[in-house]
Amino acid sequence: MREIIIKPPDDSPNVTKYRERFGHLPSIEAMKWMKHEELEKIAGEALSRNKPMKEWEERPHIKLGSVLDEMYDTPVSDNEYI
């Protein structure tokens, strides 16, 4: 089975800390459509509140009928980028 590897960019300290604290990255949609600065700002705000973004946390369990749904059902490794 093919493995998909997703990691935050090295220049994303808030997203990296967010993943370490809450155990998940921003949703795939957020990483695809939001600017780097927006992701950093939202992740920083969530860290300040010490509460994960509900939309990012729950996204793997919600089926939207898009091809991105499949990304949540595929084994993911945090070892390297694809």
Protein backbone atom coordinates (compact mmCIF):
# COMPACT_ATOMS: atom_id res chain seq x y z
CA MET A 1 0.00 0.00 0.00
CA ARG A 2 1.26 3.46 -0.85
CA GLU A 3 2.19 5.68 2.08
CA ILE A 4 1.44 9.41 2.10
CA ILE A 5 3.80 11.56 4.13
CA ILE A 6 2.68 14.97 5.43
CA LYS A 7 4.73 17.33 7.57
CA PRO A 8 4.57 21.05 8.29
CA PRO A 9 7.22 23.14 6.53
CA ASP A 10 10.36 23.91 8.52
CA ASP A 11 9.43 27.60 8.62
CA SER A 12 6.12 26.94 10.43
CA PRO A 13 6.94 27.03 14.14
CA ASN A 14 3.32 27.54 15.26
CA VAL A 15 2.00 24.69 13.11
CA THR A 16 4.82 22.44 14.34
CA LYS A 17 4.07 23.29 18.00
CA TYR A 18 0.33 22.85 17.30
CA ARG A 19 0.95 19.32 15.99
CA GLU A 20 3.15 18.46 18.97
CA ARG A 21 0.60 19.74 21.48
CA PHE A 22 -2.67 18.56 19.92
CA GLY A 23 -1.50 15.52 17.94
CA HIS A 24 -2.75 16.52 14.50
CA LEU A 25 -1.94 18.93 11.69
CA PRO A 26 -4.33 21.47 10.20
CA SER A 27 -6.89 19.90 7.91
CA ILE A 28 -5.69 19.02 4.43
CA GLU A 29 -8.10 21.62 3.05
CA ALA A 30 -6.62 24.31 5.31
CA MET A 31 -3.09 23.40 4.23
CA LYS A 32 -4.15 23.40 0.58
CA TRP A 33 -6.13 26.65 0.48
CA MET A 34 -4.81 28.89 3.27
CA LYS A 35 -1.74 31.03 2.97
CA HIS A 36 1.22 30.09 5.12
CA GLU A 37 0.74 33.20 7.24
CA GLU A 38 -2.93 32.36 7.89
CA LEU A 39 -2.08 28.83 9.06
CA GLU A 40 0.61 30.19 11.36
CA LYS A 41 -1.77 32.80 12.81
CA ILE A 42 -4.60 30.32 13.44
CA ALA A 43 -2.24 27.72 14.92
CA GLY A 44 -0.73 30.42 17.16
CA GLU A 45 -4.16 31.50 18.38
CA ALA A 46 -5.10 27.89 19.16
CA LEU A 47 -1.86 27.48 21.10
CA SER A 48 -2.57 30.67 23.08
CA ARG A 49 -6.06 29.39 23.97
CA ASN A 50 -4.66 25.89 24.59
CA LYS A 51 -7.57 24.48 22.54
CA PRO A 52 -7.28 22.76 19.16
CA MET A 53 -9.20 24.01 16.16
CA LYS A 54 -12.38 21.94 16.18
CA GLU A 55 -12.56 21.90 12.36
CA TRP A 56 -9.01 20.58 12.07
CA GLU A 57 -9.41 18.03 14.86
CA GLU A 58 -12.70 16.57 13.62
CA ARG A 59 -12.03 16.67 9.85
CA PRO A 60 -10.73 13.06 9.58
CA HIS A 61 -14.13 11.82 10.82
CA ILE A 62 -16.25 13.95 8.46
CA LYS A 63 -16.89 12.84 4.89
CA LEU A 64 -17.44 15.74 2.50
CA GLY A 65 -17.63 13.71 -0.69
CA SER A 66 -14.41 15.17 -2.08
CA VAL A 67 -11.27 13.37 -3.21
CA LEU A 68 -9.54 14.73 -0.11
CA ASP A 69 -11.67 12.38 2.03
CA GLU A 70 -9.41 9.57 0.78
CA MET A 71 -6.35 11.28 2.27
CA TYR A 72 -7.75 10.68 5.75
CA ASP A 73 -8.20 6.95 5.07
CA THR A 74 -4.63 6.44 3.80
CA PRO A 75 -1.71 5.52 6.09
CA VAL A 76 0.29 8.64 6.85
CA SER A 77 3.86 8.95 8.10
CA ASP A 78 5.45 12.07 9.54
CA ASN A 79 8.97 11.05 8.46
CA GLU A 80 9.36 13.03 5.24
CA TYR A 81 7.57 15.06 2.57
CA ILE A 82 6.09 13.73 -0.62
